[in-house]
């Protein structure tokens, strides 16, 4: 596993977070519709719950992205240090990378 691969994963998680935020915004727009009835109020309440859940999911994805980016930096730092050469040689001997 190298830092670039982890960074790509972080980017994908970030993209997913943005998609989830887009869904949450869509639910917000649906809640803003002006039709009135008992069913409409129940529907709006359900949309609000789903919107909150999506916002929480996006926040968790943001945290995951930050953790992946920190991990990528740590992998790169370790690879650049004295143990990095040793780890690279061990990975080569084990056939983990060319």
N, C-alpha and C. Protein backbone atom coordinates (compact mmCIF):
# COMPACT_ATOMS: atom_id res chain seq x y z
N UNK A 1 0.86 -1.17 0.00
CA UNK A 1 0.00 0.00 0.00
C UNK A 1 0.90 1.23 0.00
N UNK A 2 0.67 2.12 -0.94
CA UNK A 2 1.45 3.35 -0.95
C UNK A 2 0.56 4.56 -0.73
N UNK A 3 1.23 5.70 -0.49
CA UNK A 3 0.48 6.92 -0.20
C UNK A 3 -0.42 7.35 -1.33
N UNK A 4 0.00 7.12 -2.59
CA UNK A 4 -0.83 7.53 -3.72
C UNK A 4 -2.14 6.76 -3.77
N UNK A 5 -2.06 5.47 -3.51
CA UNK A 5 -3.27 4.65 -3.51
C UNK A 5 -4.23 5.13 -2.42
N UNK A 6 -3.69 5.41 -1.24
CA UNK A 6 -4.52 5.89 -0.12
C UNK A 6 -5.12 7.25 -0.47
N UNK A 7 -4.34 8.09 -1.12
CA UNK A 7 -4.87 9.41 -1.53
C UNK A 7 -6.00 9.26 -2.55
N UNK A 8 -5.87 8.31 -3.47
CA UNK A 8 -6.96 8.07 -4.43
C UNK A 8 -8.23 7.64 -3.69
N UNK A 9 -8.06 6.77 -2.71
CA UNK A 9 -9.22 6.35 -1.91
C UNK A 9 -9.83 7.54 -1.19
N UNK A 10 -8.99 8.41 -0.64
CA UNK A 10 -9.49 9.61 0.04
C UNK A 10 -10.28 10.48 -0.92
N UNK A 11 -9.79 10.61 -2.15
CA UNK A 11 -10.51 11.39 -3.16
C UNK A 11 -11.86 10.79 -3.48
N UNK A 12 -11.91 9.46 -3.59
CA UNK A 12 -13.18 8.79 -3.88
C UNK A 12 -14.16 8.98 -2.73
N UNK A 13 -13.66 8.91 -1.50
CA UNK A 13 -14.53 9.14 -0.34
C UNK A 13 -15.04 10.58 -0.36
N UNK A 14 -14.18 11.53 -0.73
CA UNK A 14 -14.60 12.92 -0.84
C UNK A 14 -15.69 13.12 -1.88
N UNK A 15 -15.54 12.44 -3.02
CA UNK A 15 -16.56 12.52 -4.07
C UNK A 15 -17.89 11.94 -3.57
N UNK A 16 -17.81 10.83 -2.86
CA UNK A 16 -19.02 10.23 -2.31
C UNK A 16 -19.69 11.16 -1.32
N UNK A 17 -18.90 11.82 -0.51
CA UNK A 17 -19.43 12.79 0.45
C UNK A 17 -20.20 13.90 -0.27
N UNK A 18 -19.65 14.39 -1.37
CA UNK A 18 -20.32 15.45 -2.14
C UNK A 18 -21.63 14.93 -2.75
N UNK A 19 -21.64 13.70 -3.21
CA UNK A 19 -22.86 13.11 -3.77
C UNK A 19 -23.93 12.99 -2.69
N UNK A 20 -23.53 12.58 -1.49
CA UNK A 20 -24.48 12.47 -0.38
C UNK A 20 -25.02 13.84 -0.02
N UNK A 21 -24.15 14.85 -0.02
CA UNK A 21 -24.62 16.22 0.25
C UNK A 21 -25.63 16.67 -0.80
N UNK A 22 -25.41 16.28 -2.05
CA UNK A 22 -26.34 16.62 -3.12
C UNK A 22 -27.71 15.98 -2.89
N UNK A 23 -27.69 14.73 -2.45
CA UNK A 23 -28.96 14.07 -2.13
C UNK A 23 -29.68 14.78 -0.99
N UNK A 24 -28.92 15.17 0.02
CA UNK A 24 -29.52 15.88 1.16
C UNK A 24 -30.13 17.20 0.70
N UNK A 25 -29.44 17.89 -0.19
CA UNK A 25 -29.98 19.16 -0.71
C UNK A 25 -31.26 18.91 -1.49
N UNK A 26 -31.31 17.82 -2.24
CA UNK A 26 -32.52 17.47 -2.98
C UNK A 26 -33.69 17.21 -2.06
N UNK A 27 -33.41 16.55 -0.93
CA UNK A 27 -34.48 16.32 0.04
C UNK A 27 -34.95 17.64 0.64
N UNK A 28 -34.01 18.56 0.86
CA UNK A 28 -34.39 19.88 1.37
C UNK A 28 -35.30 20.61 0.41
N UNK A 29 -34.99 20.50 -0.87
CA UNK A 29 -35.84 21.15 -1.88
C UNK A 29 -37.22 20.51 -1.91
N UNK A 30 -37.28 19.20 -1.77
CA UNK A 30 -38.58 18.52 -1.76
C UNK A 30 -39.40 18.92 -0.54
N UNK A 31 -38.72 19.15 0.58
CA UNK A 31 -39.44 19.58 1.79
C UNK A 31 -40.02 20.97 1.63
N UNK A 32 -39.43 21.79 0.77
CA UNK A 32 -39.87 23.17 0.60
C UNK A 32 -41.13 23.29 -0.26
N UNK A 33 -41.57 22.20 -0.86
CA UNK A 33 -42.79 22.26 -1.67
C UNK A 33 -43.94 22.79 -0.83
N UNK A 34 -44.87 23.48 -1.47
CA UNK A 34 -45.90 24.22 -0.73
C UNK A 34 -47.22 23.48 -0.54
N UNK A 35 -47.35 22.26 -1.04
CA UNK A 35 -48.63 21.59 -0.89
C UNK A 35 -48.89 21.26 0.57
N UNK A 36 -50.14 21.32 0.95
CA UNK A 36 -50.53 21.14 2.36
C UNK A 36 -51.57 20.03 2.49
N UNK A 37 -51.33 19.17 3.43
CA UNK A 37 -52.28 18.13 3.83
C UNK A 37 -51.62 17.38 4.98
N UNK A 38 -52.38 16.51 5.64
CA UNK A 38 -51.78 15.70 6.70
C UNK A 38 -50.70 14.79 6.13
N UNK A 39 -50.97 14.23 4.97
CA UNK A 39 -49.99 13.35 4.35
C UNK A 39 -48.72 14.14 3.98
N UNK A 40 -48.91 15.37 3.53
CA UNK A 40 -47.76 16.19 3.15
C UNK A 40 -46.89 16.49 4.37
N UNK A 41 -47.51 16.77 5.49
CA UNK A 41 -46.73 17.06 6.70
C UNK A 41 -45.95 15.83 7.16
N UNK A 42 -46.59 14.67 7.10
CA UNK A 42 -45.88 13.42 7.45
C UNK A 42 -44.73 13.17 6.48
N UNK A 43 -44.97 13.41 5.22
CA UNK A 43 -43.94 13.21 4.21
C UNK A 43 -42.76 14.14 4.45
N UNK A 44 -43.05 15.41 4.76
CA UNK A 44 -41.99 16.38 5.06
C UNK A 44 -41.18 15.95 6.28
N UNK A 45 -41.86 15.43 7.29
CA UNK A 45 -41.15 14.97 8.49
C UNK A 45 -40.22 13.81 8.15
N UNK A 46 -40.69 12.91 7.30
CA UNK A 46 -39.84 11.79 6.87
C UNK A 46 -38.64 12.30 6.07
N UNK A 47 -38.89 13.25 5.18
CA UNK A 47 -37.80 13.83 4.40
C UNK A 47 -36.78 14.52 5.30
N UNK A 48 -37.27 15.19 6.32
CA UNK A 48 -36.36 15.88 7.25
C UNK A 48 -35.48 14.88 7.99
N UNK A 49 -36.05 13.76 8.43
CA UNK A 49 -35.26 12.72 9.09
C UNK A 49 -34.20 12.16 8.14
N UNK A 50 -34.60 11.91 6.91
CA UNK A 50 -33.66 11.38 5.92
C UNK A 50 -32.57 12.40 5.60
N UNK A 51 -32.95 13.66 5.54
CA UNK A 51 -31.97 14.71 5.27
C UNK A 51 -30.95 14.79 6.40
N UNK A 52 -31.40 14.71 7.64
CA UNK A 52 -30.47 14.72 8.77
C UNK A 52 -29.54 13.51 8.73
N UNK A 53 -30.09 12.35 8.39
CA UNK A 53 -29.27 11.14 8.31
C UNK A 53 -28.21 11.26 7.22
N UNK A 54 -28.59 11.83 6.08
CA UNK A 54 -27.62 12.02 5.00
C UNK A 54 -26.55 13.04 5.38
N UNK A 55 -26.93 14.08 6.09
CA UNK A 55 -25.95 15.07 6.53
C UNK A 55 -24.96 14.43 7.50
N UNK A 56 -25.45 13.58 8.39
CA UNK A 56 -24.56 12.87 9.32
C UNK A 56 -23.64 11.93 8.56
N UNK A 57 -24.16 11.27 7.54
CA UNK A 57 -23.34 10.37 6.72
C UNK A 57 -22.24 11.15 6.01
N UNK A 58 -22.58 12.31 5.47
CA UNK A 58 -21.58 13.14 4.79
C UNK A 58 -20.49 13.57 5.77
N UNK A 59 -20.87 13.90 6.99
CA UNK A 59 -19.88 14.29 8.00
C UNK A 59 -18.93 13.13 8.33
N UNK A 60 -19.49 11.93 8.43
CA UNK A 60 -18.65 10.75 8.69
C UNK A 60 -17.71 10.50 7.52
N UNK A 61 -18.21 10.67 6.30
CA UNK A 61 -17.36 10.49 5.12
C UNK A 61 -16.24 11.54 5.10
N UNK A 62 -16.55 12.77 5.51
CA UNK A 62 -15.52 13.81 5.60
C UNK A 62 -14.43 13.40 6.59
N UNK A 63 -14.85 12.85 7.73
CA UNK A 63 -13.89 12.38 8.72
C UNK A 63 -13.03 11.24 8.17
N UNK A 64 -13.67 10.33 7.42
CA UNK A 64 -12.93 9.21 6.83
C UNK A 64 -11.92 9.73 5.81
N UNK A 65 -12.33 10.70 5.02
CA UNK A 65 -11.40 11.27 4.04
C UNK A 65 -10.20 11.89 4.75
N UNK A 66 -10.44 12.65 5.80
CA UNK A 66 -9.34 13.28 6.54
C UNK A 66 -8.41 12.22 7.13
N UNK A 67 -8.98 11.14 7.64
CA UNK A 67 -8.17 10.06 8.21
C UNK A 67 -7.33 9.38 7.13
N UNK A 68 -7.91 9.17 5.95
CA UNK A 68 -7.17 8.56 4.85
C UNK A 68 -6.03 9.47 4.38
N UNK A 69 -6.30 10.77 4.32
CA UNK A 69 -5.25 11.70 3.92
C UNK A 69 -4.12 11.71 4.95
N UNK A 70 -4.46 11.67 6.24
CA UNK A 70 -3.44 11.61 7.29
C UNK A 70 -2.64 10.31 7.17
N UNK A 71 -3.32 9.23 6.88
CA UNK A 71 -2.64 7.95 6.71
C UNK A 71 -1.69 7.99 5.51
N UNK A 72 -2.14 8.60 4.43
CA UNK A 72 -1.28 8.72 3.23
C UNK A 72 -0.01 9.49 3.57
N UNK A 73 -0.17 10.57 4.32
CA UNK A 73 1.02 11.34 4.72
C UNK A 73 1.95 10.50 5.59
N UNK A 74 1.37 9.71 6.50
CA UNK A 74 2.19 8.86 7.37
C UNK A 74 2.91 7.79 6.57
N UNK A 75 2.22 7.20 5.60
CA UNK A 75 2.85 6.19 4.75
C UNK A 75 4.01 6.82 3.97
N UNK A 76 3.79 7.99 3.42
CA UNK A 76 4.85 8.66 2.67
C UNK A 76 6.02 9.04 3.56
N UNK A 77 5.73 9.52 4.77
CA UNK A 77 6.80 9.86 5.71
C UNK A 77 7.60 8.62 6.09
N UNK A 78 6.89 7.52 6.35
CA UNK A 78 7.58 6.28 6.73
C UNK A 78 8.42 5.75 5.57
N UNK A 79 7.89 5.84 4.37
CA UNK A 79 8.63 5.35 3.20
C UNK A 79 9.87 6.17 2.94
N UNK A 80 9.84 7.44 3.31
CA UNK A 80 10.98 8.31 3.10
C UNK A 80 12.03 8.21 4.19
N UNK A 81 11.69 7.56 5.29
CA UNK A 81 12.62 7.43 6.41
C UNK A 81 13.49 6.19 6.28
N UNK A 82 14.33 5.96 7.30
CA UNK A 82 15.25 4.83 7.25
C UNK A 82 14.55 3.47 7.22
N UNK A 83 13.39 3.38 7.82
CA UNK A 83 12.67 2.11 7.80
C UNK A 83 11.98 1.87 6.46
N UNK A 84 11.78 2.94 5.70
CA UNK A 84 11.13 2.80 4.41
C UNK A 84 11.90 1.93 3.45
N UNK A 85 13.22 2.11 3.42
CA UNK A 85 14.06 1.29 2.54
C UNK A 85 14.00 -0.17 2.95
N UNK A 86 14.02 -0.41 4.25
CA UNK A 86 13.95 -1.78 4.76
C UNK A 86 12.59 -2.40 4.43
N UNK A 87 11.53 -1.64 4.63
CA UNK A 87 10.18 -2.14 4.32
C UNK A 87 10.05 -2.41 2.82
N UNK A 88 10.62 -1.53 1.99
CA UNK A 88 10.57 -1.73 0.55
C UNK A 88 11.29 -3.00 0.14
N UNK A 89 12.43 -3.26 0.74
CA UNK A 89 13.19 -4.47 0.42
C UNK A 89 12.41 -5.71 0.87
N UNK A 90 11.81 -5.66 2.07
CA UNK A 90 11.02 -6.79 2.55
C UNK A 90 9.83 -7.05 1.64
N UNK A 91 9.14 -5.99 1.19
CA UNK A 91 8.00 -6.14 0.30
C UNK A 91 8.43 -6.75 -1.03
N UNK A 92 9.62 -6.32 -1.51
CA UNK A 92 10.14 -6.86 -2.76
C UNK A 92 10.44 -8.36 -2.61
N UNK A 93 11.07 -8.73 -1.50
CA UNK A 93 11.40 -10.14 -1.26
C UNK A 93 10.14 -11.00 -1.13
N UNK A 94 9.09 -10.41 -0.57
CA UNK A 94 7.83 -11.14 -0.40
C UNK A 94 6.98 -11.11 -1.67
N UNK A 95 7.43 -10.37 -2.67
CA UNK A 95 6.67 -10.28 -3.92
C UNK A 95 5.43 -9.42 -3.83
N UNK A 96 5.44 -8.46 -2.90
CA UNK A 96 4.27 -7.61 -2.72
C UNK A 96 4.20 -6.50 -3.76
N UNK A 97 5.31 -6.14 -4.35
CA UNK A 97 5.31 -5.18 -5.46
C UNK A 97 6.56 -5.41 -6.29
N UNK A 98 6.52 -5.02 -7.55
CA UNK A 98 7.66 -5.28 -8.44
C UNK A 98 8.90 -4.51 -8.06
